C-alpha cells in the first residue's frame, strides 16, 4: 500500500487512460455539489460515469443523463473504477462491496476522492488485487496530467493565493 499517498504520474495516467466507465458513489443531482461538477467534467472527457445515489435511485432520477443506481450491485457491467465520493467513514463498506462484486462487474480500481482516506479499505482492496488511489480527484488529476490546469492560469503564476501587493504610487502624479 502506498501509505504516504504518493502516486506516480505514470500510475495515475495509466488508470485514467485504461478506465472507460466509472461508478461514482455519492454522485449528487445538485449542480452545486463537487461530485456533480466532477461527474460532468469526466463525462466531457469521454468517460461513462454511472451515479450511485440511493435517494436519487429511489426517486427514479437521472444525474447528468445517467440513471442513478442505489448500489454498486445495480451498476451495469463492465465498470473499471469505483470513485468514492463519500466520507472516509463510508469508504470501507463501499470498498468491501467493490471487492465482493469485482469479478461480476470488472472493477479494477477503487479511487477515493479528496479528503477520503481509509487505510483499512486500501489494504483489503489491494489484497484483493484492486489498485487503490486515496485523497485524489480524478478530475483534478486528469487536468493536471494533461495540462488543462494551465488553461485557467494555475501553476503559471497568474492565479495565486497570495494577497496582491499595493500598487506603487507615482510621486510625479498630481
N, C-alpha and C. Protein backbone atom coordinates (compact mmCIF):
# COMPACT_ATOMS: atom_id res chain seq x y z
N UNK A 1 0.84 -1.19 0.00
CA UNK A 1 0.00 0.00 0.00
C UNK A 1 0.88 1.23 0.00
N UNK A 2 0.45 2.23 -0.71
CA UNK A 2 1.18 3.48 -0.76
C UNK A 2 0.74 4.32 0.43
N UNK A 3 1.39 4.10 1.59
CA UNK A 3 0.93 4.74 2.82
C UNK A 3 1.17 6.24 2.81
N UNK A 4 2.18 6.69 2.09
CA UNK A 4 2.46 8.12 2.03
C UNK A 4 1.53 8.85 1.07
N UNK A 5 0.68 8.10 0.38
CA UNK A 5 -0.26 8.65 -0.60
C UNK A 5 0.45 9.38 -1.73
N UNK A 6 1.60 8.88 -2.06
CA UNK A 6 2.34 9.41 -3.21
C UNK A 6 2.16 8.45 -4.35
N UNK A 7 1.56 8.95 -5.39
CA UNK A 7 1.29 8.12 -6.55
C UNK A 7 2.02 8.72 -7.73
N UNK A 8 2.65 7.88 -8.51
CA UNK A 8 3.38 8.39 -9.67
C UNK A 8 2.40 8.87 -10.73
N UNK A 9 2.85 9.83 -11.50
CA UNK A 9 2.04 10.31 -12.61
C UNK A 9 1.77 9.17 -13.59
N UNK A 10 2.73 8.27 -13.73
CA UNK A 10 2.55 7.14 -14.65
C UNK A 10 1.41 6.24 -14.18
N UNK A 11 1.32 6.00 -12.88
CA UNK A 11 0.23 5.17 -12.34
C UNK A 11 -1.11 5.85 -12.59
N UNK A 12 -1.22 7.11 -12.23
CA UNK A 12 -2.48 7.83 -12.38
C UNK A 12 -2.87 7.96 -13.85
N UNK A 13 -1.92 8.33 -14.69
CA UNK A 13 -2.21 8.45 -16.12
C UNK A 13 -2.61 7.11 -16.71
N UNK A 14 -1.96 6.04 -16.27
CA UNK A 14 -2.32 4.70 -16.74
C UNK A 14 -3.75 4.34 -16.40
N UNK A 15 -4.16 4.65 -15.18
CA UNK A 15 -5.54 4.40 -14.77
C UNK A 15 -6.50 5.22 -15.62
N UNK A 16 -6.22 6.49 -15.75
CA UNK A 16 -7.13 7.37 -16.49
C UNK A 16 -7.19 7.04 -17.98
N UNK A 17 -6.14 6.45 -18.53
CA UNK A 17 -6.16 6.01 -19.93
C UNK A 17 -6.95 4.71 -20.10
N UNK A 18 -6.79 3.81 -19.14
CA UNK A 18 -7.37 2.47 -19.23
C UNK A 18 -8.87 2.45 -18.93
N UNK A 19 -9.28 3.24 -17.95
CA UNK A 19 -10.67 3.25 -17.50
C UNK A 19 -11.57 3.89 -18.54
N UNK A 20 -12.73 3.30 -18.76
CA UNK A 20 -13.73 3.88 -19.65
C UNK A 20 -15.03 4.18 -18.91
N UNK A 21 -15.32 3.36 -17.88
CA UNK A 21 -16.58 3.51 -17.14
C UNK A 21 -16.28 3.61 -15.65
N UNK A 22 -16.95 4.56 -15.00
CA UNK A 22 -16.72 4.85 -13.58
C UNK A 22 -18.06 4.79 -12.85
N UNK A 23 -18.10 4.07 -11.73
CA UNK A 23 -19.26 4.11 -10.83
C UNK A 23 -18.93 5.14 -9.76
N UNK A 24 -19.66 6.26 -9.75
CA UNK A 24 -19.38 7.33 -8.79
C UNK A 24 -20.35 7.21 -7.62
N UNK A 25 -19.84 6.69 -6.51
CA UNK A 25 -20.65 6.50 -5.32
C UNK A 25 -20.71 7.83 -4.56
N UNK A 26 -21.92 8.37 -4.46
CA UNK A 26 -22.09 9.67 -3.82
C UNK A 26 -22.31 10.79 -4.82
N UNK A 27 -22.54 10.45 -6.07
CA UNK A 27 -22.82 11.47 -7.08
C UNK A 27 -24.10 12.19 -6.69
N UNK A 28 -24.10 13.50 -6.87
CA UNK A 28 -25.26 14.31 -6.48
C UNK A 28 -25.96 14.89 -7.69
N UNK A 29 -27.30 14.96 -7.64
CA UNK A 29 -28.03 15.63 -8.71
C UNK A 29 -27.95 17.15 -8.60
N UNK A 30 -27.45 17.66 -7.49
CA UNK A 30 -27.35 19.10 -7.26
C UNK A 30 -26.13 19.65 -8.00
N UNK A 31 -26.36 20.52 -8.98
CA UNK A 31 -25.27 21.03 -9.81
C UNK A 31 -24.22 21.81 -9.02
N UNK A 32 -24.55 22.22 -7.80
CA UNK A 32 -23.61 22.98 -6.98
C UNK A 32 -22.64 22.08 -6.21
N UNK A 33 -22.88 20.79 -6.21
CA UNK A 33 -22.04 19.87 -5.43
C UNK A 33 -20.79 19.47 -6.23
N UNK A 34 -19.67 19.31 -5.55
CA UNK A 34 -18.43 18.91 -6.25
C UNK A 34 -18.57 17.61 -7.03
N UNK A 35 -19.34 16.65 -6.52
CA UNK A 35 -19.48 15.38 -7.24
C UNK A 35 -20.17 15.59 -8.59
N UNK A 36 -21.13 16.49 -8.64
CA UNK A 36 -21.82 16.76 -9.89
C UNK A 36 -20.87 17.40 -10.90
N UNK A 37 -20.08 18.35 -10.42
CA UNK A 37 -19.12 19.03 -11.29
C UNK A 37 -18.07 18.04 -11.82
N UNK A 38 -17.56 17.18 -10.91
CA UNK A 38 -16.56 16.18 -11.32
C UNK A 38 -17.16 15.20 -12.31
N UNK A 39 -18.39 14.78 -12.06
CA UNK A 39 -19.05 13.83 -12.97
C UNK A 39 -19.20 14.43 -14.35
N UNK A 40 -19.66 15.67 -14.41
CA UNK A 40 -19.85 16.35 -15.70
C UNK A 40 -18.52 16.47 -16.45
N UNK A 41 -17.48 16.86 -15.74
CA UNK A 41 -16.15 17.01 -16.36
C UNK A 41 -15.69 15.67 -16.94
N UNK A 42 -15.80 14.61 -16.15
CA UNK A 42 -15.34 13.30 -16.61
C UNK A 42 -16.17 12.82 -17.81
N UNK A 43 -17.46 13.10 -17.81
CA UNK A 43 -18.28 12.76 -18.97
C UNK A 43 -17.80 13.51 -20.21
N UNK A 44 -17.46 14.78 -20.05
CA UNK A 44 -16.97 15.57 -21.17
C UNK A 44 -15.65 15.06 -21.71
N UNK A 45 -14.91 14.33 -20.89
CA UNK A 45 -13.63 13.74 -21.32
C UNK A 45 -13.82 12.36 -21.92
N UNK A 46 -15.06 11.91 -22.03
CA UNK A 46 -15.34 10.65 -22.71
C UNK A 46 -15.60 9.46 -21.81
N UNK A 47 -15.61 9.66 -20.51
CA UNK A 47 -15.90 8.57 -19.60
C UNK A 47 -17.42 8.41 -19.45
N UNK A 48 -17.84 7.19 -19.27
CA UNK A 48 -19.22 6.96 -18.84
C UNK A 48 -19.18 6.94 -17.32
N UNK A 49 -19.94 7.81 -16.69
CA UNK A 49 -19.97 7.89 -15.23
C UNK A 49 -21.38 7.52 -14.77
N UNK A 50 -21.47 6.43 -14.02
CA UNK A 50 -22.75 5.94 -13.54
C UNK A 50 -22.90 6.37 -12.09
N UNK A 51 -23.92 7.21 -11.80
CA UNK A 51 -24.09 7.69 -10.43
C UNK A 51 -24.68 6.62 -9.51
N UNK A 52 -24.09 6.49 -8.33
CA UNK A 52 -24.63 5.60 -7.31
C UNK A 52 -25.09 6.49 -6.17
N UNK A 53 -26.42 6.63 -6.05
CA UNK A 53 -27.04 7.50 -5.07
C UNK A 53 -28.40 6.89 -4.73
N UNK A 54 -28.50 6.23 -3.55
CA UNK A 54 -29.76 5.54 -3.22
C UNK A 54 -30.99 6.44 -3.22
N UNK A 55 -30.88 7.67 -2.75
CA UNK A 55 -32.03 8.58 -2.71
C UNK A 55 -32.49 8.93 -4.13
N UNK A 56 -31.54 9.26 -4.99
CA UNK A 56 -31.89 9.59 -6.38
C UNK A 56 -32.44 8.36 -7.11
N UNK A 57 -31.88 7.19 -6.82
CA UNK A 57 -32.36 5.96 -7.46
C UNK A 57 -33.79 5.65 -7.02
N UNK A 58 -34.10 5.83 -5.74
CA UNK A 58 -35.45 5.57 -5.23
C UNK A 58 -36.48 6.49 -5.89
N UNK A 59 -36.04 7.68 -6.24
CA UNK A 59 -36.93 8.64 -6.90
C UNK A 59 -37.00 8.41 -8.41
N UNK A 60 -36.22 7.45 -8.90
CA UNK A 60 -36.19 7.18 -10.34
C UNK A 60 -35.48 8.26 -11.13
N UNK A 61 -34.58 8.97 -10.47
CA UNK A 61 -33.90 10.12 -11.08
C UNK A 61 -32.69 9.72 -11.91
N UNK A 62 -32.36 10.63 -12.81
CA UNK A 62 -31.11 10.55 -13.56
C UNK A 62 -30.24 11.71 -13.11
N UNK A 63 -28.96 11.52 -13.20
CA UNK A 63 -27.99 12.57 -12.91
C UNK A 63 -27.14 12.75 -14.16
N UNK A 64 -27.18 13.93 -14.72
CA UNK A 64 -26.43 14.25 -15.94
C UNK A 64 -26.63 13.20 -17.03
N UNK A 65 -27.89 12.78 -17.18
CA UNK A 65 -28.25 11.86 -18.26
C UNK A 65 -28.05 10.39 -17.96
N UNK A 66 -27.54 10.05 -16.79
CA UNK A 66 -27.34 8.65 -16.41
C UNK A 66 -28.29 8.30 -15.28
N UNK A 67 -28.99 7.17 -15.43
CA UNK A 67 -29.91 6.73 -14.38
C UNK A 67 -29.15 6.42 -13.11
N UNK A 68 -29.60 6.99 -12.00
CA UNK A 68 -28.96 6.75 -10.71
C UNK A 68 -29.24 5.32 -10.25
N UNK A 69 -28.26 4.72 -9.64
CA UNK A 69 -28.38 3.36 -9.10
C UNK A 69 -28.27 3.43 -7.58
N UNK A 70 -28.93 2.50 -6.91
CA UNK A 70 -28.95 2.50 -5.45
C UNK A 70 -27.68 1.93 -4.83
N UNK A 71 -26.98 1.08 -5.57
CA UNK A 71 -25.78 0.43 -5.03
C UNK A 71 -24.89 -0.01 -6.17
N UNK A 72 -23.68 -0.41 -5.82
CA UNK A 72 -22.76 -0.93 -6.84
C UNK A 72 -23.32 -2.20 -7.49
N UNK A 73 -24.10 -2.98 -6.75
CA UNK A 73 -24.69 -4.20 -7.30
C UNK A 73 -25.60 -3.91 -8.48
N UNK A 74 -26.21 -2.71 -8.52
CA UNK A 74 -27.14 -2.36 -9.60
C UNK A 74 -26.44 -1.74 -10.81
N UNK A 75 -25.16 -1.46 -10.71
CA UNK A 75 -24.42 -0.83 -11.81
C UNK A 75 -24.20 -1.87 -12.91
N UNK A 76 -24.54 -1.52 -14.16
CA UNK A 76 -24.32 -2.49 -15.25
C UNK A 76 -22.84 -2.63 -15.57
N UNK A 77 -22.40 -3.87 -15.73
CA UNK A 77 -21.01 -4.16 -16.05
C UNK A 77 -20.78 -3.92 -17.54
N UNK A 78 -19.57 -3.70 -17.94
CA UNK A 78 -18.34 -3.61 -17.14
C UNK A 78 -18.09 -2.18 -16.64
N UNK A 79 -17.52 -2.11 -15.46
CA UNK A 79 -17.14 -0.85 -14.83
C UNK A 79 -15.74 -1.05 -14.25
N UNK A 80 -14.80 -0.27 -14.72
CA UNK A 80 -13.41 -0.46 -14.28
C UNK A 80 -13.09 0.23 -12.96
N UNK A 81 -13.78 1.33 -12.65
CA UNK A 81 -13.38 2.12 -11.48
C UNK A 81 -14.57 2.48 -10.61
N UNK A 82 -14.35 2.37 -9.29
CA UNK A 82 -15.31 2.85 -8.30
C UNK A 82 -14.71 4.12 -7.72
N UNK A 83 -15.42 5.24 -7.89
CA UNK A 83 -14.98 6.54 -7.38
C UNK A 83 -15.80 6.83 -6.13
N UNK A 84 -15.12 6.86 -4.97
CA UNK A 84 -15.79 7.05 -3.68
C UNK A 84 -15.89 8.54 -3.38
N UNK A 85 -17.09 9.08 -3.55
CA UNK A 85 -17.36 10.50 -3.29
C UNK A 85 -18.20 10.61 -2.03
N UNK A 86 -17.81 9.84 -1.02
CA UNK A 86 -18.45 9.85 0.29
C UNK A 86 -17.35 10.04 1.32
N UNK A 87 -17.71 10.22 2.57
CA UNK A 87 -16.74 10.44 3.62
C UNK A 87 -15.88 9.21 3.89
N UNK A 88 -14.76 9.44 4.55
CA UNK A 88 -13.83 8.35 4.87
C UNK A 88 -14.51 7.23 5.64
N UNK A 89 -15.49 7.58 6.48
CA UNK A 89 -16.17 6.57 7.28
C UNK A 89 -16.97 5.59 6.43
N UNK A 90 -17.35 5.97 5.22
CA UNK A 90 -18.11 5.10 4.32
C UNK A 90 -17.21 4.31 3.37
N UNK A 91 -15.94 4.66 3.30
CA UNK A 91 -15.04 4.06 2.31
C UNK A 91 -14.85 2.56 2.50
N UNK A 92 -14.78 2.10 3.74
CA UNK A 92 -14.55 0.67 3.98
C UNK A 92 -15.72 -0.16 3.47
N UNK A 93 -16.94 0.23 3.79
CA UNK A 93 -18.12 -0.52 3.35
C UNK A 93 -18.22 -0.52 1.82
N UNK A 94 -17.99 0.63 1.20
CA UNK A 94 -18.04 0.73 -0.26
C UNK A 94 -16.97 -0.15 -0.89
N UNK A 95 -15.78 -0.11 -0.32
CA UNK A 95 -14.68 -0.91 -0.85
C UNK A 95 -14.97 -2.40 -0.72
N UNK A 96 -15.52 -2.79 0.41
CA UNK A 96 -15.87 -4.21 0.59
C UNK A 96 -16.92 -4.66 -0.43
N UNK A 97 -17.87 -3.79 -0.73
CA UNK A 97 -18.87 -4.11 -1.76
C UNK A 97 -18.19 -4.25 -3.12
N UNK A 98 -17.24 -3.36 -3.42
CA UNK A 98 -16.50 -3.44 -4.69
C UNK A 98 -15.70 -4.74 -4.77
N UNK A 99 -15.10 -5.15 -3.66
CA UNK A 99 -14.34 -6.41 -3.64
C UNK A 99 -15.27 -7.59 -3.91
N UNK A 100 -16.44 -7.62 -3.25
CA UNK A 100 -17.40 -8.72 -3.45
C UNK A 100 -17.87 -8.80 -4.90
N UNK A 101 -18.01 -7.64 -5.55
CA UNK A 101 -18.56 -7.61 -6.90
C UNK A 101 -17.50 -7.53 -7.99
N UNK A 102 -16.24 -7.59 -7.60
CA UNK A 102 -15.14 -7.37 -8.55
C UNK A 102 -15.25 -8.23 -9.80
N UNK A 103 -15.38 -9.53 -9.63
CA UNK A 103 -15.41 -10.43 -10.78
C UNK A 103 -16.64 -10.19 -11.66
N UNK A 104 -17.79 -9.95 -11.03
CA UNK A 104 -19.05 -9.74 -11.76
C UNK A 104 -19.05 -8.43 -12.54
N UNK A 105 -18.51 -7.37 -11.95
CA UNK A 105 -18.60 -6.04 -12.54
C UNK A 105 -17.35 -5.63 -13.33
N UNK A 106 -16.21 -6.23 -13.01
CA UNK A 106 -14.97 -5.87 -13.69
C UNK A 106 -14.17 -4.78 -13.00
N UNK A 107 -14.51 -4.48 -11.74
CA UNK A 107 -13.79 -3.43 -11.02
C UNK A 107 -12.29 -3.71 -10.97
N UNK A 108 -11.50 -2.69 -11.27
CA UNK A 108 -10.04 -2.77 -11.21
C UNK A 108 -9.45 -1.76 -10.24
N UNK A 109 -10.17 -0.64 -10.03
CA UNK A 109 -9.64 0.48 -9.26
C UNK A 109 -10.68 0.96 -8.26
N UNK A 110 -10.23 1.23 -7.03
CA UNK A 110 -11.03 1.97 -6.05
C UNK A 110 -10.32 3.30 -5.86
N UNK A 111 -11.01 4.37 -6.21
CA UNK A 111 -10.43 5.72 -6.15
C UNK A 111 -11.21 6.51 -5.12
N UNK A 112 -10.53 6.98 -4.08
CA UNK A 112 -11.17 7.76 -3.03
C UNK A 112 -10.85 9.24 -3.25
N UNK A 113 -11.90 10.04 -3.23
CA UNK A 113 -11.79 11.46 -3.54
C UNK A 113 -10.96 12.25 -2.53
N UNK A 114 -10.73 13.51 -2.84
CA UNK A 114 -10.02 14.41 -1.94
C UNK A 114 -10.61 14.35 -0.54
N UNK A 115 -9.77 14.20 0.46
CA UNK A 115 -10.22 14.14 1.84
C UNK A 115 -10.71 12.78 2.27
N UNK A 116 -10.75 11.81 1.37
CA UNK A 116 -11.24 10.48 1.70
C UNK A 116 -10.05 9.53 1.79
N UNK A 117 -9.92 8.94 2.98
CA UNK A 117 -8.82 8.02 3.21
C UNK A 117 -9.26 6.94 4.19
N UNK A 118 -8.99 5.70 3.82
CA UNK A 118 -9.22 4.56 4.71
C UNK A 118 -8.11 3.56 4.45
N UNK A 119 -7.15 3.52 5.35
CA UNK A 119 -6.04 2.59 5.19
C UNK A 119 -6.52 1.14 5.24
N UNK A 120 -7.54 0.87 6.06
CA UNK A 120 -8.09 -0.49 6.15
C UNK A 120 -8.73 -0.88 4.82
N UNK A 121 -9.52 0.02 4.25
CA UNK A 121 -10.15 -0.25 2.95
C UNK A 121 -9.09 -0.46 1.88
N UNK A 122 -8.05 0.38 1.89
CA UNK A 122 -6.99 0.26 0.89
C UNK A 122 -6.28 -1.08 1.02
N UNK A 123 -5.98 -1.50 2.24
CA UNK A 123 -5.29 -2.77 2.44
C UNK A 123 -6.14 -3.94 1.94
N UNK A 124 -7.44 -3.92 2.25
CA UNK A 124 -8.32 -5.00 1.80
C UNK A 124 -8.45 -5.01 0.28
N UNK A 125 -8.57 -3.84 -0.31
CA UNK A 125 -8.71 -3.76 -1.77
C UNK A 125 -7.45 -4.25 -2.46
N UNK A 126 -6.30 -3.81 -1.98
CA UNK A 126 -5.05 -4.24 -2.60
C UNK A 126 -4.82 -5.73 -2.43
N UNK A 127 -5.20 -6.27 -1.27
CA UNK A 127 -5.08 -7.72 -1.05
C UNK A 127 -5.97 -8.49 -2.02
N UNK A 128 -7.08 -7.88 -2.45
CA UNK A 128 -7.99 -8.50 -3.40
C UNK A 128 -7.57 -8.26 -4.85
N UNK A 129 -6.47 -7.53 -5.05
CA UNK A 129 -5.95 -7.30 -6.39
C UNK A 129 -6.43 -6.02 -7.05
N UNK A 130 -7.06 -5.13 -6.30
CA UNK A 130 -7.51 -3.86 -6.84
C UNK A 130 -6.43 -2.79 -6.66
N UNK A 131 -6.37 -1.86 -7.56
CA UNK A 131 -5.49 -0.70 -7.41
C UNK A 131 -6.25 0.33 -6.60
N UNK A 132 -5.55 1.01 -5.69
CA UNK A 132 -6.19 1.99 -4.83
C UNK A 132 -5.50 3.34 -4.95
N UNK A 133 -6.31 4.38 -5.08
CA UNK A 133 -5.84 5.76 -5.02
C UNK A 133 -6.68 6.43 -3.94
N UNK A 134 -6.03 7.14 -3.03
CA UNK A 134 -6.76 7.84 -1.96
C UNK A 134 -6.42 9.32 -1.97
N UNK A 135 -7.38 10.11 -1.50
CA UNK A 135 -7.20 11.55 -1.32
C UNK A 135 -6.79 12.27 -2.60
N UNK A 136 -7.37 11.85 -3.70
CA UNK A 136 -7.14 12.48 -5.00
C UNK A 136 -8.45 12.56 -5.76
N UNK A 137 -8.54 13.48 -6.67
CA UNK A 137 -9.73 13.63 -7.51
C UNK A 137 -9.36 13.31 -8.96
N UNK A 138 -10.05 12.37 -9.60
CA UNK A 138 -9.70 12.06 -10.98
C UNK A 138 -9.86 13.25 -11.92
N UNK A 139 -10.81 14.14 -11.62
CA UNK A 139 -10.99 15.34 -12.45
C UNK A 139 -9.76 16.22 -12.36
N UNK A 140 -9.30 16.46 -11.15
CA UNK A 140 -8.11 17.30 -10.94
C UNK A 140 -6.87 16.63 -11.53
N UNK A 141 -6.74 15.33 -11.30
CA UNK A 141 -5.56 14.62 -11.82
C UNK A 141 -5.55 14.60 -13.34
N UNK A 142 -6.71 14.44 -13.95
CA UNK A 142 -6.79 14.49 -15.41
C UNK A 142 -6.29 15.84 -15.91
N UNK A 143 -6.82 16.89 -15.34
CA UNK A 143 -6.41 18.23 -15.75
C UNK A 143 -4.94 18.50 -15.50
N UNK A 144 -4.43 18.01 -14.37
CA UNK A 144 -3.01 18.23 -14.04
C UNK A 144 -2.11 17.47 -15.00
N UNK A 145 -2.40 16.22 -15.24
CA UNK A 145 -1.53 15.39 -16.07
C UNK A 145 -1.55 15.82 -17.53
N UNK A 146 -2.73 16.19 -18.02
CA UNK A 146 -2.83 16.59 -19.43
C UNK A 146 -2.78 18.09 -19.63
N UNK A 147 -2.32 18.82 -18.62
CA UNK A 147 -2.01 20.23 -18.77
C UNK A 147 -3.17 21.19 -18.82
N UNK A 148 -4.37 20.74 -18.49
CA UNK A 148 -5.51 21.63 -18.57
C UNK A 148 -5.56 22.65 -17.44
N UNK A 149 -4.90 22.38 -16.34
CA UNK A 149 -4.92 23.36 -15.26
C UNK A 149 -4.26 24.66 -15.69
N UNK A 150 -3.28 24.56 -16.57
CA UNK A 150 -2.61 25.75 -17.07
C UNK A 150 -3.53 26.65 -17.88
N UNK A 151 -4.61 26.07 -18.45
CA UNK A 151 -5.55 26.87 -19.23
C UNK A 151 -6.23 27.92 -18.36
N UNK A 152 -6.38 27.62 -17.07
CA UNK A 152 -7.05 28.55 -16.17
C UNK A 152 -6.07 29.43 -15.41
N UNK A 153 -4.78 29.32 -15.73
CA UNK A 153 -3.79 30.13 -15.06
C UNK A 153 -3.12 29.44 -13.88
N UNK A 154 -3.56 28.23 -13.53
CA UNK A 154 -2.95 27.51 -12.43
C UNK A 154 -1.53 27.11 -12.79
N UNK A 155 -0.67 27.15 -11.82
CA UNK A 155 0.71 26.74 -11.98
C UNK A 155 1.44 27.60 -13.01
N UNK A 156 0.93 28.76 -13.25
CA UNK A 156 1.56 29.68 -14.20
C UNK A 156 1.87 31.02 -13.55
N UNK A 157 1.55 31.13 -12.25
CA UNK A 157 1.80 32.38 -11.56
C UNK A 157 0.76 33.44 -11.85
N UNK A 158 -0.27 33.11 -12.60
CA UNK A 158 -1.31 34.07 -12.92
C UNK A 158 -2.35 34.10 -11.81
N UNK A 159 -2.72 32.91 -11.32
CA UNK A 159 -3.65 32.82 -10.22
C UNK A 159 -2.84 32.44 -8.98
N UNK A 160 -3.06 33.16 -7.91
CA UNK A 160 -2.27 32.94 -6.70
C UNK A 160 -3.15 33.11 -5.47
N UNK A 161 -2.77 32.45 -4.39
CA UNK A 161 -3.48 32.61 -3.12
C UNK A 161 -2.89 33.77 -2.32
N UNK A 162 -1.83 34.37 -2.82
CA UNK A 162 -1.22 35.50 -2.11
C UNK A 162 -2.03 36.76 -2.32
N UNK A 163 -2.04 37.60 -1.30
CA UNK A 163 -2.69 38.89 -1.42
C UNK A 163 -1.91 39.74 -2.41
N UNK A 164 -2.61 40.50 -3.23
CA UNK A 164 -1.90 41.35 -4.19
C UNK A 164 -1.15 42.47 -3.46
N UNK A 165 -0.02 42.82 -4.00
CA UNK A 165 0.74 43.93 -3.44
C UNK A 165 0.09 45.24 -3.86
N UNK A 166 0.07 46.21 -2.96
CA UNK A 166 -0.49 47.51 -3.36
C UNK A 166 0.36 48.12 -4.47
N UNK A 167 -0.31 48.78 -5.38
CA UNK A 167 0.42 49.45 -6.47
C UNK A 167 1.28 50.57 -5.89
N UNK A 168 2.43 50.76 -6.48
CA UNK A 168 3.31 51.85 -6.04
C UNK A 168 2.73 53.17 -6.52
N UNK A 169 2.80 54.14 -5.65
CA UNK A 169 2.29 55.46 -6.02
C UNK A 169 3.33 56.18 -6.88
N UNK A 170 2.84 56.79 -7.88
CA UNK A 170 3.69 57.58 -8.76
C UNK A 170 3.81 58.98 -8.13
N UNK A 171 4.98 59.25 -7.59
CA UNK A 171 5.15 60.51 -6.88
C UNK A 171 5.06 61.72 -7.79
N UNK A 172 5.26 61.52 -9.09
CA UNK A 172 5.20 62.63 -10.02
C UNK A 172 3.78 63.00 -10.43
N UNK A 173 2.81 62.11 -10.08
CA UNK A 173 1.42 62.38 -10.47
C UNK A 173 0.83 63.42 -9.53
N UNK A 174 -0.01 64.21 -10.01
CA UNK A 174 -0.53 65.29 -9.18
C UNK A 174 -1.94 65.27 -9.07
